[in-house]
Amino acid sequence: MAQAIVAPSGRTLFSRATLVRVTTQVEHLSLRSGSNLIEVDRYVPSIAVAYGFRPKWTVIVAQPYVVAETATHSGGVAQNRAVDGIADAQVFLQYDGLYRRNSPGGLTRLSGVFGLELPTGVRRTSPRALAYTGGLIFEKAIKLKYVFSSDFQYTATTGNAQGTRTGNLARYDVTAAYFLLPHKKPAGEGGGFRKLYERVFRDGTYLILELNGATRARSEQSGTEIPGTGGTTLAISPGIQYFATQKFLVEFSAPIPAVNALRGAQPKPDSTFVFGFRYLF
């Protein structure tokens, strides 16, 4: 069954199964003020392991790594700065039994998810504070061909030892997917291109369109709001998941910024790409 690529709702569906997902997100942001220009290139590779340890229960552990390169152009002079390091680990527990109904070739399911972001990253890539996430994920599959999912997740942050607290974050996503599976022609029918198409796509491909939104509150320092922080972004994300085998897929998505309502002078996303693979044991 299809899983969203950009939305945070990609989970394994199988009891006693293990899903390994490796992704890389590449993002370019920029901020122009008069003749000054700030450009940020951010690379976030991540590995996540999801394990269905009991019927309807899944535990997910994710570990990202962050590389950020900043170039400041002012008066014909460019200054470059780069930081990288392990980011905070994330642990989620998902329960798929809030509502569940199976039908021939499909299902309807409502899941609850709770997560922790642990201050395990290095200081240059981590706020060094706990964050708590709770949310709901709705999924519906029809005739093994059409899949619809949506989710809402809210992350409550805490302050670090220096009194800095990143703003709380609300994420909301809607995903529609179509499963493309070639119908085999009887032996002797179809040309060479048709046979190649059937061979390459024999395990199927999902064509995916996502709407990904996020709203972050202002950050705080010792209880006082920090100006020019927080805001709302919304992206339209076409993507594809190609099943190389029944247990291995590769995926790619290219979110297109639709709304960049960030407060103050913050670099805004210009382009984003997400690519990776998943393997089910």
C-alpha atoms as a PDB file:
ATOM      1  CA  MET A   1       0.000   0.000   0.000  1.00  0.00           C
ATOM      2  CA  ALA A   2       1.270   3.495  -0.800  1.00  0.00           C
ATOM      3  CA  GLN A   3       2.825   5.628   1.876  1.00  0.00           C
ATOM      4  CA  ALA A   4       3.154   9.383   1.736  1.00  0.00           C
ATOM      5  CA  ILE A   5       6.657  10.589   0.807  1.00  0.00           C
ATOM      6  CA  VAL A   6       6.817  14.069   2.333  1.00  0.00           C
ATOM      7  CA  ALA A   7       4.062  13.767   4.965  1.00  0.00           C
ATOM      8  CA  PRO A   8       5.167  12.169   8.258  1.00  0.00           C
ATOM      9  CA  SER A   9       2.643   9.307   8.021  1.00  0.00           C
ATOM     10  CA  GLY A  10       4.782   6.679   6.239  1.00  0.00           C
ATOM     11  CA  ARG A  11       4.584   3.566   8.419  1.00  0.00           C
ATOM     12  CA  THR A  12       4.724  -0.170   7.963  1.00  0.00           C
ATOM     13  CA  LEU A  13       1.321  -1.899   7.877  1.00  0.00           C
ATOM     14  CA  PHE A  14       2.368  -5.420   8.771  1.00  0.00           C
ATOM     15  CA  SER A  15       2.544  -7.115  12.168  1.00  0.00           C
ATOM     16  CA  ARG A  16       5.936  -8.666  12.942  1.00  0.00           C
ATOM     17  CA  ALA A  17       7.471  -6.956   9.909  1.00  0.00           C
ATOM     18  CA  THR A  18      10.318  -4.457   9.737  1.00  0.00           C
ATOM     19  CA  LEU A  19      10.518  -1.525   7.334  1.00  0.00           C
ATOM     20  CA  VAL A  20      13.777   0.327   6.707  1.00  0.00           C
ATOM     21  CA  ARG A  21      13.475   3.714   5.033  1.00  0.00           C
ATOM     22  CA  VAL A  22      16.430   5.812   3.869  1.00  0.00           C
ATOM     23  CA  THR A  23      15.730   9.303   2.530  1.00  0.00           C
ATOM     24  CA  THR A  24      17.561  12.505   1.687  1.00  0.00           C
ATOM     25  CA  GLN A  25      15.876  15.905   1.615  1.00  0.00           C
ATOM     26  CA  VAL A  26      17.631  18.636  -0.364  1.00  0.00           C
ATOM     27  CA  GLU A  27      16.347  22.172   0.178  1.00  0.00           C
ATOM     28  CA  HIS A  28      17.417  25.566  -1.181  1.00  0.00           C
ATOM     29  CA  LEU A  29      16.295  28.703   0.685  1.00  0.00           C
ATOM     30  CA  SER A  30      17.004  32.359   0.060  1.00  0.00           C
ATOM     31  CA  LEU A  31      16.424  35.823   1.491  1.00  0.00           C
ATOM     32  CA  ARG A  32      17.013  39.054  -0.429  1.00  0.00           C
ATOM     33  CA  SER A  33      17.162  42.466   1.218  1.00  0.00           C
ATOM     34  CA  GLY A  34      18.079  45.257  -1.152  1.00  0.00           C
ATOM     35  CA  SER A  35      21.434  44.337  -2.705  1.00  0.00           C
ATOM     36  CA  ASN A  36      22.113  41.693  -0.056  1.00  0.00           C
ATOM     37  CA  LEU A  37      21.353  38.027  -0.638  1.00  0.00           C
ATOM     38  CA  ILE A  38      21.471  35.070   1.745  1.00  0.00           C
ATOM     39  CA  GLU A  39      21.305  31.561   0.276  1.00  0.00           C
ATOM     40  CA  VAL A  40      21.028  28.359   2.292  1.00  0.00           C
ATOM     41  CA  ASP A  41      21.481  24.829   0.959  1.00  0.00           C
ATOM     42  CA  ARG A  42      20.333  22.197   3.418  1.00  0.00           C
ATOM     43  CA  TYR A  43      20.825  18.436   3.080  1.00  0.00           C
ATOM     44  CA  VAL A  44      19.098  16.090   5.520  1.00  0.00           C
ATOM     45  CA  PRO A  45      19.804  12.375   5.045  1.00  0.00           C
ATOM     46  CA  SER A  46      17.839  10.177   7.427  1.00  0.00           C
ATOM     47  CA  ILE A  47      17.376   6.521   8.268  1.00  0.00           C
ATOM     48  CA  ALA A  48      14.184   5.239   9.890  1.00  0.00           C
ATOM     49  CA  VAL A  49      13.268   1.759  11.109  1.00  0.00           C
ATOM     50  CA  ALA A  50       9.630   0.798  11.691  1.00  0.00           C
ATOM     51  CA  TYR A  51       8.750  -2.468  13.451  1.00  0.00           C
ATOM     52  CA  GLY A  52       5.261  -3.927  13.831  1.00  0.00           C
ATOM     53  CA  PHE A  53       5.839  -5.566  17.205  1.00  0.00           C
ATOM     54  CA  ARG A  54       2.175  -6.466  17.820  1.00  0.00           C
ATOM     55  CA  PRO A  55      -1.036  -6.434  15.770  1.00  0.00           C
ATOM     56  CA  LYS A  56      -2.043  -2.771  15.262  1.00  0.00           C
ATOM     57  CA  TRP A  57       1.109  -1.493  17.017  1.00  0.00           C
ATOM     58  CA  THR A  58       4.215  -0.047  15.312  1.00  0.00           C
ATOM     59  CA  VAL A  59       7.310   1.558  16.798  1.00  0.00           C
ATOM     60  CA  ILE A  60       9.394   3.870  14.595  1.00  0.00           C
ATOM     61  CA  VAL A  61      12.908   5.176  15.291  1.00  0.00           C
ATOM     62  CA  ALA A  62      14.436   7.831  13.008  1.00  0.00           C
ATOM     63  CA  GLN A  63      17.909   9.371  12.996  1.00  0.00           C
ATOM     64  CA  PRO A  64      18.584  12.368  10.711  1.00  0.00           C
ATOM     65  CA  TYR A  65      21.860  14.075   9.882  1.00  0.00           C
ATOM     66  CA  VAL A  66      22.012  17.748   8.868  1.00  0.00           C
ATOM     67  CA  VAL A  67      24.364  19.578   6.516  1.00  0.00           C
ATOM     68  CA  ALA A  68      23.700  23.311   6.063  1.00  0.00           C
ATOM     69  CA  GLU A  69      25.718  25.612   3.821  1.00  0.00           C
ATOM     70  CA  THR A  70      25.065  29.365   3.989  1.00  0.00           C
ATOM     71  CA  ALA A  71      26.348  31.944   1.489  1.00  0.00           C
ATOM     72  CA  THR A  72      25.949  35.674   2.248  1.00  0.00           C
ATOM     73  CA  HIS A  73      26.391  38.044  -0.714  1.00  0.00           C
ATOM     74  CA  SER A  74      26.876  41.708   0.184  1.00  0.00           C
ATOM     75  CA  GLY A  75      28.620  44.478  -1.753  1.00  0.00           C
ATOM     76  CA  GLY A  76      30.074  42.032  -4.251  1.00  0.00           C
ATOM     77  CA  VAL A  77      31.650  39.959  -1.468  1.00  0.00           C
ATOM     78  CA  ALA A  78      30.510  36.434  -0.605  1.00  0.00           C
ATOM     79  CA  GLN A  79      30.961  34.847   2.796  1.00  0.00           C
ATOM     80  CA  ASN A  80      30.401  31.106   3.203  1.00  0.00           C
ATOM     81  CA  ARG A  81      29.677  29.127   6.335  1.00  0.00           C
ATOM     82  CA  ALA A  82      28.878  25.444   6.782  1.00  0.00           C
ATOM     83  CA  VAL A  83      27.678  23.363   9.711  1.00  0.00           C
ATOM     84  CA  ASP A  84      26.921  19.672   9.903  1.00  0.00           C
ATOM     85  CA  GLY A  85      26.230  17.041  12.506  1.00  0.00           C
ATOM     86  CA  ILE A  86      23.861  14.459  13.906  1.00  0.00           C
ATOM     87  CA  ALA A  87      20.397  15.882  14.574  1.00  0.00           C
ATOM     88  CA  ASP A  88      17.978  14.824  17.318  1.00  0.00           C
ATOM     89  CA  ALA A  89      16.695  11.250  17.252  1.00  0.00           C
ATOM     90  CA  GLN A  90      12.945  10.675  16.965  1.00  0.00           C
ATOM     91  CA  VAL A  91      10.890   7.825  18.441  1.00  0.00           C
ATOM     92  CA  PHE A  92       7.219   7.239  17.539  1.00  0.00           C
ATOM     93  CA  LEU A  93       4.577   4.783  18.684  1.00  0.00           C
ATOM     94  CA  GLN A  94       1.610   4.269  16.362  1.00  0.00           C
ATOM     95  CA  TYR A  95      -1.652   2.483  17.163  1.00  0.00           C
ATOM     96  CA  ASP A  96      -3.778   1.476  14.177  1.00  0.00           C
ATOM     97  CA  GLY A  97      -6.868   0.372  16.094  1.00  0.00           C
ATOM     98  CA  LEU A  98      -8.771   3.625  16.676  1.00  0.00           C
ATOM     99  CA  TYR A  99     -10.945   2.639  13.722  1.00  0.00           C
ATOM    100  CA  ARG A 100     -10.360  -0.094  11.188  1.00  0.00           C
ATOM    101  CA  ARG A 101     -12.538  -1.630   8.507  1.00  0.00           C
ATOM    102  CA  ASN A 102     -11.340  -3.997   5.791  1.00  0.00           C
ATOM    103  CA  SER A 103     -13.068  -4.590   2.474  1.00  0.00           C
ATOM    104  CA  PRO A 104     -12.171  -6.598  -0.655  1.00  0.00           C
ATOM    105  CA  GLY A 105      -9.164  -4.793  -2.119  1.00  0.00           C
ATOM    106  CA  GLY A 106      -9.242  -1.957   0.381  1.00  0.00           C
ATOM    107  CA  LEU A 107      -9.346  -0.667   3.935  1.00  0.00           C
ATOM    108  CA  THR A 108     -10.326   2.309   6.059  1.00  0.00           C
ATOM    109  CA  ARG A 109      -8.182   3.090   9.063  1.00  0.00           C
ATOM    110  CA  LEU A 110      -7.719   5.766  11.721  1.00  0.00           C
ATOM    111  CA  SER A 111      -4.470   5.660  13.687  1.00  0.00           C
ATOM    112  CA  GLY A 112      -3.099   7.538  16.648  1.00  0.00           C
ATOM    113  CA  VAL A 113       0.572   8.431  16.969  1.00  0.00           C
ATOM    114  CA  PHE A 114       2.708   9.706  19.841  1.00  0.00           C
ATOM    115  CA  GLY A 115       6.349  10.663  19.520  1.00  0.00           C
ATOM    116  CA  LEU A 116       9.381  12.110  21.252  1.00  0.00           C
ATOM    117  CA  GLU A 117      12.249  14.119  19.805  1.00  0.00           C
ATOM    118  CA  LEU A 118      15.238  13.500  22.033  1.00  0.00           C
ATOM    119  CA  PRO A 119      18.099  16.008  22.526  1.00  0.00           C
ATOM    120  CA  THR A 120      20.720  13.582  21.230  1.00  0.00           C
ATOM    121  CA  GLY A 121      22.137  15.728  18.417  1.00  0.00           C
ATOM    122  CA  VAL A 122      25.227  17.898  18.542  1.00  0.00           C
ATOM    123  CA  ARG A 123      24.775  21.497  19.666  1.00  0.00           C
ATOM    124  CA  ARG A 124      25.264  23.050  16.242  1.00  0.00           C
ATOM    125  CA  THR A 125      22.316  21.085  14.772  1.00  0.00           C
ATOM    126  CA  SER A 126      20.084  20.578  17.811  1.00  0.00           C
ATOM    127  CA  PRO A 127      17.994  22.888  20.046  1.00  0.00           C
ATOM    128  CA  ARG A 128      19.013  20.560  22.923  1.00  0.00           C
ATOM    129  CA  ALA A 129      15.464  20.224  24.249  1.00  0.00           C
ATOM    130  CA  LEU A 130      12.718  17.619  24.349  1.00  0.00           C
ATOM    131  CA  ALA A 131       9.729  17.833  21.990  1.00  0.00           C
ATOM    132  CA  TYR A 132       6.474  15.858  22.199  1.00  0.00           C
ATOM    133  CA  THR A 133       4.290  14.949  19.204  1.00  0.00           C
ATOM    134  CA  GLY A 134       0.718  13.665  19.079  1.00  0.00           C
ATOM    135  CA  GLY A 135      -1.542  13.218  16.079  1.00  0.00           C
ATOM    136  CA  LEU A 136      -4.032  11.306  13.978  1.00  0.00           C
ATOM    137  CA  ILE A 137      -3.568   9.571  10.619  1.00  0.00           C
ATOM    138  CA  PHE A 138      -6.495   8.610   8.353  1.00  0.00           C
ATOM    139  CA  GLU A 139      -6.029   6.203   5.441  1.00  0.00           C
ATOM    140  CA  LYS A 140      -8.425   4.759   2.897  1.00  0.00           C
ATOM    141  CA  ALA A 141      -7.624   2.353   0.046  1.00  0.00           C
ATOM    142  CA  ILE A 142     -10.102   1.433  -2.690  1.00  0.00           C
ATOM    143  CA  LYS A 143      -9.769  -1.596  -4.989  1.00  0.00           C
ATOM    144  CA  LEU A 144      -5.991  -1.727  -4.433  1.00  0.00           C
ATOM    145  CA  LYS A 145      -5.779   1.177  -6.897  1.00  0.00           C
ATOM    146  CA  TYR A 146      -6.702   4.425  -5.175  1.00  0.00           C
ATOM    147  CA  VAL A 147      -5.302   5.517  -1.838  1.00  0.00           C
ATOM    148  CA  PHE A 148      -6.229   8.611   0.165  1.00  0.00           C
ATOM    149  CA  SER A 149      -4.572   9.655   3.412  1.00  0.00           C
ATOM    150  CA  SER A 150      -4.514  12.687   5.659  1.00  0.00           C
ATOM    151  CA  ASP A 151      -2.894  13.505   8.954  1.00  0.00           C
ATOM    152  CA  PHE A 152      -2.611  16.140  11.632  1.00  0.00           C
ATOM    153  CA  GLN A 153       0.305  16.186  14.034  1.00  0.00           C
ATOM    154  CA  TYR A 154       1.106  18.728  16.744  1.00  0.00           C
ATOM    155  CA  THR A 155       4.543  19.074  18.314  1.00  0.00           C
ATOM    156  CA  ALA A 156       4.928  20.784  21.697  1.00  0.00           C
ATOM    157  CA  THR A 157       8.459  21.966  22.405  1.00  0.00           C
ATOM    158  CA  THR A 158      10.305  22.647  25.653  1.00  0.00           C
ATOM    159  CA  GLY A 159      13.030  25.109  26.577  1.00  0.00           C
ATOM    160  CA  ASN A 160      16.717  24.285  26.746  1.00  0.00           C
ATOM    161  CA  ALA A 161      19.277  25.118  29.417  1.00  0.00           C
ATOM    162  CA  GLN A 162      19.797  28.601  27.903  1.00  0.00           C
ATOM    163  CA  GLY A 163      16.071  29.419  28.148  1.00  0.00           C
ATOM    164  CA  THR A 164      15.451  29.199  24.399  1.00  0.00           C
ATOM    165  CA  ARG A 165      12.326  27.427  23.180  1.00  0.00           C
ATOM    166  CA  THR A 166      11.516  26.747  19.521  1.00  0.00           C
ATOM    167  CA  GLY A 167       7.891  27.472  18.648  1.00  0.00           C
ATOM    168  CA  ASN A 168       5.301  24.690  18.722  1.00  0.00           C
ATOM    169  CA  LEU A 169       4.629  23.115  15.329  1.00  0.00           C
ATOM    170  CA  ALA A 170       1.398  21.950  13.644  1.00  0.00           C
ATOM    171  CA  ARG A 171       1.701  19.761  10.533  1.00  0.00           C
ATOM    172  CA  TYR A 172      -1.220  18.878   8.266  1.00  0.00           C
ATOM    173  CA  ASP A 173      -1.105  16.831   5.083  1.00  0.00           C
ATOM    174  CA  VAL A 174      -3.423  15.363   2.458  1.00  0.00           C
ATOM    175  CA  THR A 175      -2.257  12.683   0.017  1.00  0.00           C
ATOM    176  CA  ALA A 176      -3.867  11.043  -3.019  1.00  0.00           C
ATOM    177  CA  ALA A 177      -2.219   8.129  -4.845  1.00  0.00           C
ATOM    178  CA  TYR A 178      -2.979   6.012  -7.898  1.00  0.00           C
ATOM    179  CA  PHE A 179      -1.506   2.528  -8.300  1.00  0.00           C
ATOM    180  CA  LEU A 180      -0.296   1.858 -11.830  1.00  0.00           C
ATOM    181  CA  LEU A 181      -0.002  -1.858 -12.627  1.00  0.00           C
ATOM    182  CA  PRO A 182       0.234  -3.112 -16.229  1.00  0.00           C
ATOM    183  CA  HIS A 183      -2.283  -5.724 -17.381  1.00  0.00           C
ATOM    184  CA  LYS A 184      -0.463  -8.614 -18.975  1.00  0.00           C
ATOM    185  CA  LYS A 185      -1.412  -9.429 -22.541  1.00  0.00           C
ATOM    186  CA  PRO A 186      -1.943 -13.061 -23.505  1.00  0.00           C
ATOM    187  CA  ALA A 187       1.169 -14.820 -24.775  1.00  0.00           C
ATOM    188  CA  GLY A 188       2.000 -13.742 -28.314  1.00  0.00           C
ATOM    189  CA  GLU A 189       0.163 -10.392 -28.058  1.00  0.00           C
ATOM    190  CA  GLY A 190       1.781  -6.987 -27.722  1.00  0.00           C
ATOM    191  CA  GLY A 191       4.991  -5.610 -29.203  1.00  0.00           C
ATOM    192  CA  GLY A 192       8.452  -5.283 -27.748  1.00  0.00           C
ATOM    193  CA  PHE A 193       7.721  -1.963 -26.006  1.00  0.00           C
ATOM    194  CA  ARG A 194       4.636  -3.418 -24.340  1.00  0.00           C
ATOM    195  CA  LYS A 195       6.598  -6.429 -23.085  1.00  0.00           C
ATOM    196  CA  LEU A 196       9.361  -4.158 -21.750  1.00  0.00           C
ATOM    197  CA  TYR A 197       6.752  -1.988 -20.000  1.00  0.00           C
ATOM    198  CA  GLU A 198       5.179  -5.056 -18.380  1.00  0.00           C
ATOM    199  CA  ARG A 199       8.564  -6.349 -17.246  1.00  0.00           C
ATOM    200  CA  VAL A 200       9.820  -3.058 -15.776  1.00  0.00           C
ATOM    201  CA  PHE A 201       6.574  -2.165 -13.994  1.00  0.00           C
ATOM    202  CA  ARG A 202       5.431  -5.690 -13.132  1.00  0.00           C
ATOM    203  CA  ASP A 203       5.353  -4.925  -9.364  1.00  0.00           C
ATOM    204  CA  GLY A 204       3.564  -1.596  -9.785  1.00  0.00           C
ATOM    205  CA  THR A 205       4.155   2.133  -9.348  1.00  0.00           C
ATOM    206  CA  TYR A 206       2.327   4.728  -7.266  1.00  0.00           C
ATOM    207  CA  LEU A 207       1.720   8.211  -8.706  1.00  0.00           C
ATOM    208  CA  ILE A 208       1.329  10.517  -5.723  1.00  0.00           C
ATOM    209  CA  LEU A 209       0.160  14.069  -5.102  1.00  0.00           C
ATOM    210  CA  GLU A 210       0.507  15.590  -1.639  1.00  0.00           C
ATOM    211  CA  LEU A 211      -0.514  18.852  -0.002  1.00  0.00           C
ATOM    212  CA  ASN A 212       1.893  19.537   2.868  1.00  0.00           C
ATOM    213  CA  GLY A 213       1.355  22.332   5.367  1.00  0.00           C
ATOM    214  CA  ALA A 214       3.153  23.459   8.516  1.00  0.00           C
ATOM    215  CA  THR A 215       2.512  26.285  10.970  1.00  0.00           C
ATOM    216  CA  ARG A 216       5.071  27.137  13.642  1.00  0.00           C
ATOM    217  CA  ALA A 217       4.519  29.509  16.568  1.00  0.00           C
ATOM    218  CA  ARG A 218       7.089  32.139  17.510  1.00  0.00           C
ATOM    219  CA  SER A 219      10.170  30.996  19.357  1.00  0.00           C
ATOM    220  CA  GLU A 220      10.815  32.305  22.861  1.00  0.00           C
ATOM    221  CA  GLN A 221      13.783  33.406  24.930  1.00  0.00           C
ATOM    222  CA  SER A 222      13.229  33.248  28.695  1.00  0.00           C
ATOM    223  CA  GLY A 223       9.459  33.442  28.111  1.00  0.00           C
ATOM    224  CA  THR A 224       9.625  36.427  25.714  1.00  0.00           C
ATOM    225  CA  GLU A 225       8.624  35.928  22.084  1.00  0.00           C
ATOM    226  CA  ILE A 226      11.416  36.368  19.549  1.00  0.00           C
ATOM    227  CA  PRO A 227      10.361  38.634  16.636  1.00  0.00           C
ATOM    228  CA  GLY A 228      10.765  37.334  13.105  1.00  0.00           C
ATOM    229  CA  THR A 229      10.248  33.680  13.976  1.00  0.00           C
ATOM    230  CA  GLY A 230       7.503  31.206  13.096  1.00  0.00           C
ATOM    231  CA  GLY A 231       4.977  31.310  10.270  1.00  0.00           C
ATOM    232  CA  THR A 232       3.201  29.064   7.782  1.00  0.00           C
ATOM    233  CA  THR A 233       4.337  27.169   4.687  1.00  0.00           C
ATOM    234  CA  LEU A 234       2.295  25.129   2.235  1.00  0.00           C
ATOM    235  CA  ALA A 235       3.620  22.984  -0.613  1.00  0.00           C
ATOM    236  CA  ILE A 236       2.133  20.911  -3.444  1.00  0.00           C
ATOM    237  CA  SER A 237       4.241  17.770  -3.795  1.00  0.00           C
ATOM    238  CA  PRO A 238       4.027  15.480  -6.853  1.00  0.00           C
ATOM    239  CA  GLY A 239       5.898  12.227  -6.396  1.00  0.00           C
ATOM    240  CA  ILE A 240       6.421   8.668  -7.554  1.00  0.00           C
ATOM    241  CA  GLN A 241       7.083   5.359  -5.812  1.00  0.00           C
ATOM    242  CA  TYR A 242       8.469   2.597  -8.001  1.00  0.00           C
ATOM    243  CA  PHE A 243       8.374  -0.986  -6.758  1.00  0.00           C
ATOM    244  CA  ALA A 244      11.552  -2.654  -8.005  1.00  0.00           C
ATOM    245  CA  THR A 245      10.363  -5.787  -6.186  1.00  0.00           C
ATOM    246  CA  GLN A 246       7.403  -6.491  -3.938  1.00  0.00           C
ATOM    247  CA  LYS A 247       9.534  -5.586  -0.911  1.00  0.00           C
ATOM    248  CA  PHE A 248      11.793  -2.834  -2.268  1.00  0.00           C
ATOM    249  CA  LEU A 249      10.759   0.550  -3.651  1.00  0.00           C
ATOM    250  CA  VAL A 250      12.487   3.758  -4.652  1.00  0.00           C
ATOM    251  CA  GLU A 251      10.750   7.116  -4.315  1.00  0.00           C
ATOM    252  CA  PHE A 252      11.064  10.723  -5.378  1.00  0.00           C
ATOM    253  CA  SER A 253       9.070  13.870  -4.624  1.00  0.00           C
ATOM    254  CA  ALA A 254       9.501  17.521  -5.629  1.00  0.00           C
ATOM    255  CA  PRO A 255       7.510  19.823  -3.301  1.00  0.00           C
ATOM    256  CA  ILE A 256       6.509  23.086  -4.991  1.00  0.00           C
ATOM    257  CA  PRO A 257       6.145  26.074  -2.600  1.00  0.00           C
ATOM    258  CA  ALA A 258       2.595  27.457  -2.678  1.00  0.00           C
ATOM    259  CA  VAL A 259       2.537  29.594   0.492  1.00  0.00           C
ATOM    260  CA  ASN A 260       5.575  31.096   2.258  1.00  0.00           C
ATOM    261  CA  ALA A 261       4.009  33.181   5.034  1.00  0.00           C
ATOM    262  CA  LEU A 262       7.029  33.305   7.319  1.00  0.00           C
ATOM    263  CA  ARG A 263       7.295  36.130   9.840  1.00  0.00           C
ATOM    264  CA  GLY A 264      10.079  38.645   9.588  1.00  0.00           C
ATOM    265  CA  ALA A 265      13.294  38.202   7.616  1.00  0.00           C
ATOM    266  CA  GLN A 266      13.578  34.430   7.312  1.00  0.00           C
ATOM    267  CA  PRO A 267      15.012  32.546   4.315  1.00  0.00           C
ATOM    268  CA  LYS A 268      12.120  31.104   2.325  1.00  0.00           C
ATOM    269  CA  PRO A 269      12.172  27.721   0.552  1.00  0.00           C
ATOM    270  CA  ASP A 270      12.732  28.021  -3.208  1.00  0.00           C
ATOM    271  CA  SER A 271      13.067  24.348  -4.124  1.00  0.00           C
ATOM    272  CA  THR A 272      12.966  21.004  -2.323  1.00  0.00           C
ATOM    273  CA  PHE A 273      13.603  17.418  -3.406  1.00  0.00           C
ATOM    274  CA  VAL A 274      13.070  14.229  -1.447  1.00  0.00           C
ATOM    275  CA  PHE A 275      14.409  10.890  -2.652  1.00  0.00           C
ATOM    276  CA  GLY A 276      15.203   7.526  -1.126  1.00  0.00           C
ATOM    277  CA  PHE A 277      14.195   3.904  -0.815  1.00  0.00           C
ATOM    278  CA  ARG A 278      12.282   1.536   1.468  1.00  0.00           C
ATOM    279  CA  TYR A 279      12.826  -2.151   2.145  1.00  0.00           C
ATOM    280  CA  LEU A 280      10.391  -4.431   3.951  1.00  0.00           C
ATOM    281  CA  PHE A 281      11.735  -7.481   5.782  1.00  0.00           C
END
